[in-house]
Amino acid sequence: MSPLEIGGLTVFILVLFFGAFSVLFGFPGTVIILLDAFVYAAVTGFEKIGFKVLLTLLILSVLAEIADFAVGMAGAAKFGASRRGFWGFLVGGLIGASLLAPFLLGLGIIAGALLGGFLGMTVLELLQRRRLKPSLRAAWGAVLGRAAGTIVKGLFALIMIIITLAGVYS
């Protein structure tokens, strides 16, 4: 392998792991992994990564996004969250992530998203229910659901990386 090929392979692998890491921040990391694999496959003439692998990665990426959403919603719904509460979680999470992004070397995004989502859902649930305990319970369920969804999506991302690297190195 030439130094240029080694450099390209290194960038390809770094982007794969960036995709997996970006799942922690709520980004569509599985899509990043899929696009990275497609670009690498196209550049290498689909020799190492073929259409079957790319189709498998596409299916896994779609399943990961659906699973992330479904697990998050199921967690919140199990604890009694309302539709209005879901919107509060979403808006609060975006505001919290934006406000805390500069802190903890960028990891404030995670804390801000969870804390902001928790507060946003609590406020909207409290306005609707007028009772603190069920409002806090619903918000806690949303946080647990979001965390579980992120874990599930992260596992999908790792499986996608394994499949991709197995295709490259087989």
Protein backbone atom coordinates (compact mmCIF):
# COMPACT_ATOMS: atom_id res chain seq x y z
CA MET A 1 0.00 0.00 0.00
CA SER A 2 1.22 3.46 -0.84
CA PRO A 3 1.33 6.22 1.78
CA LEU A 4 -1.64 7.85 0.05
CA GLU A 5 -3.70 4.65 0.36
CA ILE A 6 -2.72 4.26 4.02
CA GLY A 7 -3.71 7.89 4.67
CA GLY A 8 -7.06 7.37 2.95
CA LEU A 9 -7.71 4.20 4.94
CA THR A 10 -6.81 6.03 8.16
CA VAL A 11 -9.26 8.85 7.41
CA PHE A 12 -11.92 6.28 6.52
CA ILE A 13 -11.47 4.46 9.85
CA LEU A 14 -11.41 7.72 11.83
CA VAL A 15 -14.70 8.79 10.24
CA LEU A 16 -16.22 5.39 11.10
CA PHE A 17 -15.38 5.88 14.76
CA PHE A 18 -16.45 9.52 14.66
CA GLY A 19 -19.85 8.25 13.47
CA ALA A 20 -20.10 5.92 16.45
CA PHE A 21 -18.96 8.64 18.87
CA SER A 22 -21.41 11.18 17.42
CA VAL A 23 -24.31 8.96 18.52
CA LEU A 24 -23.61 10.16 22.07
CA PHE A 25 -24.43 13.71 20.97
CA GLY A 26 -27.70 12.73 19.34
CA PHE A 27 -26.34 12.94 15.80
CA PRO A 28 -27.25 10.33 13.18
CA GLY A 29 -23.94 8.50 13.56
CA THR A 30 -25.17 5.41 11.76
CA VAL A 31 -25.84 7.55 8.69
CA ILE A 32 -22.30 8.95 8.93
CA ILE A 33 -20.95 5.38 9.04
CA LEU A 34 -23.09 4.40 6.04
CA LEU A 35 -21.97 7.41 3.98
CA ASP A 36 -18.33 6.84 4.92
CA ALA A 37 -18.56 3.19 3.83
CA PHE A 38 -20.22 4.20 0.57
CA VAL A 39 -17.55 6.79 -0.23
CA TYR A 40 -14.77 4.31 0.57
CA ALA A 41 -16.47 1.63 -1.54
CA ALA A 42 -16.85 4.02 -4.47
CA VAL A 43 -13.23 5.22 -4.23
CA THR A 44 -11.94 1.63 -4.14
CA GLY A 45 -14.19 0.49 -6.99
CA PHE A 46 -16.46 -1.53 -4.68
CA GLU A 47 -13.69 -4.15 -4.37
CA LYS A 48 -13.49 -4.36 -0.58
CA ILE A 49 -16.98 -3.18 0.30
CA GLY A 50 -19.61 -4.45 -2.07
CA PHE A 51 -23.28 -3.72 -2.59
CA LYS A 52 -24.38 -6.49 -0.18
CA VAL A 53 -22.42 -4.89 2.65
CA LEU A 54 -23.75 -1.44 1.76
CA LEU A 55 -27.32 -2.75 1.68
CA THR A 56 -26.78 -4.41 5.07
CA LEU A 57 -25.42 -1.13 6.46
CA LEU A 58 -28.39 0.78 5.04
CA ILE A 59 -30.85 -1.61 6.70
CA LEU A 60 -28.98 -1.43 10.01
CA SER A 61 -28.86 2.36 9.84
CA VAL A 62 -32.63 2.61 9.28
CA LEU A 63 -33.29 0.08 12.05
CA ALA A 64 -30.98 2.00 14.41
CA GLU A 65 -32.82 5.27 13.86
CA ILE A 66 -36.21 3.59 14.32
CA ALA A 67 -35.02 1.73 17.43
CA ASP A 68 -33.57 4.90 18.96
CA PHE A 69 -36.84 6.74 18.47
CA ALA A 70 -39.04 3.81 19.56
CA VAL A 71 -37.04 3.02 22.70
CA GLY A 72 -36.98 6.69 23.70
CA MET A 73 -40.72 7.07 23.17
CA ALA A 74 -41.50 3.79 24.93
CA GLY A 75 -39.49 4.83 27.98
CA ALA A 76 -41.28 8.14 28.22
CA ALA A 77 -44.71 6.65 27.53
CA LYS A 78 -44.18 3.94 30.16
CA PHE A 79 -43.72 6.67 32.75
CA GLY A 80 -46.81 8.57 31.61
CA ALA A 81 -45.48 11.32 29.35
CA SER A 82 -47.93 13.22 27.16
CA ARG A 83 -47.47 14.53 23.61
CA ARG A 84 -47.05 18.02 24.95
CA GLY A 85 -44.37 16.67 27.27
CA PHE A 86 -42.51 15.15 24.33
CA TRP A 87 -42.36 18.57 22.69
CA GLY A 88 -41.12 20.04 25.95
CA PHE A 89 -38.40 17.41 26.09
CA LEU A 90 -37.34 18.14 22.51
CA VAL A 91 -37.29 21.93 22.82
CA GLY A 92 -35.78 21.87 26.30
CA GLY A 93 -33.12 19.43 25.14
CA LEU A 94 -32.13 21.65 22.21
CA ILE A 95 -31.94 24.73 24.42
CA GLY A 96 -30.01 22.88 27.12
CA ALA A 97 -27.56 21.40 24.63
CA SER A 98 -26.98 24.83 23.09
CA LEU A 99 -26.38 26.50 26.43
CA LEU A 100 -24.04 23.85 27.85
CA ALA A 101 -22.14 23.00 24.65
CA PRO A 102 -19.04 25.06 25.55
CA PHE A 103 -18.61 23.28 28.88
CA LEU A 104 -16.89 19.98 29.74
CA LEU A 105 -14.88 19.99 26.50
CA GLY A 106 -18.04 19.79 24.44
CA LEU A 107 -19.60 17.02 26.52
CA GLY A 108 -21.87 19.66 28.01
CA ILE A 109 -24.06 18.97 24.98
CA ILE A 110 -25.03 15.60 26.44
CA ALA A 111 -25.69 16.94 29.92
CA GLY A 112 -27.50 19.98 28.52
CA ALA A 113 -29.72 17.88 26.27
CA LEU A 114 -30.75 15.59 29.11
CA LEU A 115 -31.12 18.33 31.72
CA GLY A 116 -32.89 20.71 29.35
CA GLY A 117 -35.17 17.93 28.13
CA PHE A 118 -35.96 16.94 31.71
CA LEU A 119 -36.79 20.52 32.68
CA GLY A 120 -38.78 21.19 29.50
CA MET A 121 -40.91 18.10 29.94
CA THR A 122 -41.37 18.71 33.66
CA VAL A 123 -42.63 22.25 33.06
CA LEU A 124 -45.09 21.27 30.32
CA GLU A 125 -46.31 18.20 32.19
CA LEU A 126 -46.73 20.34 35.32
CA LEU A 127 -48.76 22.92 33.40
CA GLN A 128 -50.98 20.15 32.06
CA ARG A 129 -51.30 17.91 35.15
CA ARG A 130 -50.83 20.47 37.91
CA ARG A 131 -49.16 17.76 40.01
CA LEU A 132 -45.42 17.59 40.59
CA LYS A 133 -44.82 13.87 41.20
CA PRO A 134 -46.38 12.54 37.94
CA SER A 135 -44.68 15.36 36.01
CA LEU A 136 -41.27 14.48 37.41
CA ARG A 137 -41.94 10.78 36.80
CA ALA A 138 -42.78 11.40 33.13
CA ALA A 139 -39.67 13.54 32.67
CA TRP A 140 -37.48 10.91 34.33
CA GLY A 141 -38.97 8.28 32.01
CA ALA A 142 -38.08 10.42 29.02
CA VAL A 143 -34.48 10.76 30.22
CA LEU A 144 -34.22 7.00 30.77
CA GLY A 145 -35.80 6.33 27.38
CA ARG A 146 -33.41 8.72 25.67
CA ALA A 147 -30.41 7.13 27.35
CA ALA A 148 -31.60 3.62 26.43
CA GLY A 149 -32.23 4.72 22.85
CA THR A 150 -28.72 6.13 22.62
CA ILE A 151 -27.25 2.87 23.92
CA VAL A 152 -29.23 0.83 21.40
CA LYS A 153 -28.21 3.13 18.55
CA GLY A 154 -24.58 2.98 19.71
CA LEU A 155 -24.68 -0.81 19.59
CA PHE A 156 -26.01 -0.65 16.03
CA ALA A 157 -23.17 1.74 15.15
CA LEU A 158 -20.56 -0.66 16.56
CA ILE A 159 -22.08 -3.57 14.64
CA MET A 160 -21.95 -1.47 11.48
CA ILE A 161 -18.28 -0.68 12.09
CA ILE A 162 -17.47 -4.35 12.62
CA ILE A 163 -19.24 -5.35 9.41
CA THR A 164 -17.51 -2.56 7.47
CA LEU A 165 -14.04 -3.32 8.76
CA ALA A 166 -14.58 -7.04 8.19
CA GLY A 167 -15.37 -6.23 4.57
CA VAL A 168 -12.25 -4.09 4.23
CA TYR A 169 -9.87 -6.54 5.88
CA SER A 170 -11.27 -9.85 4.60
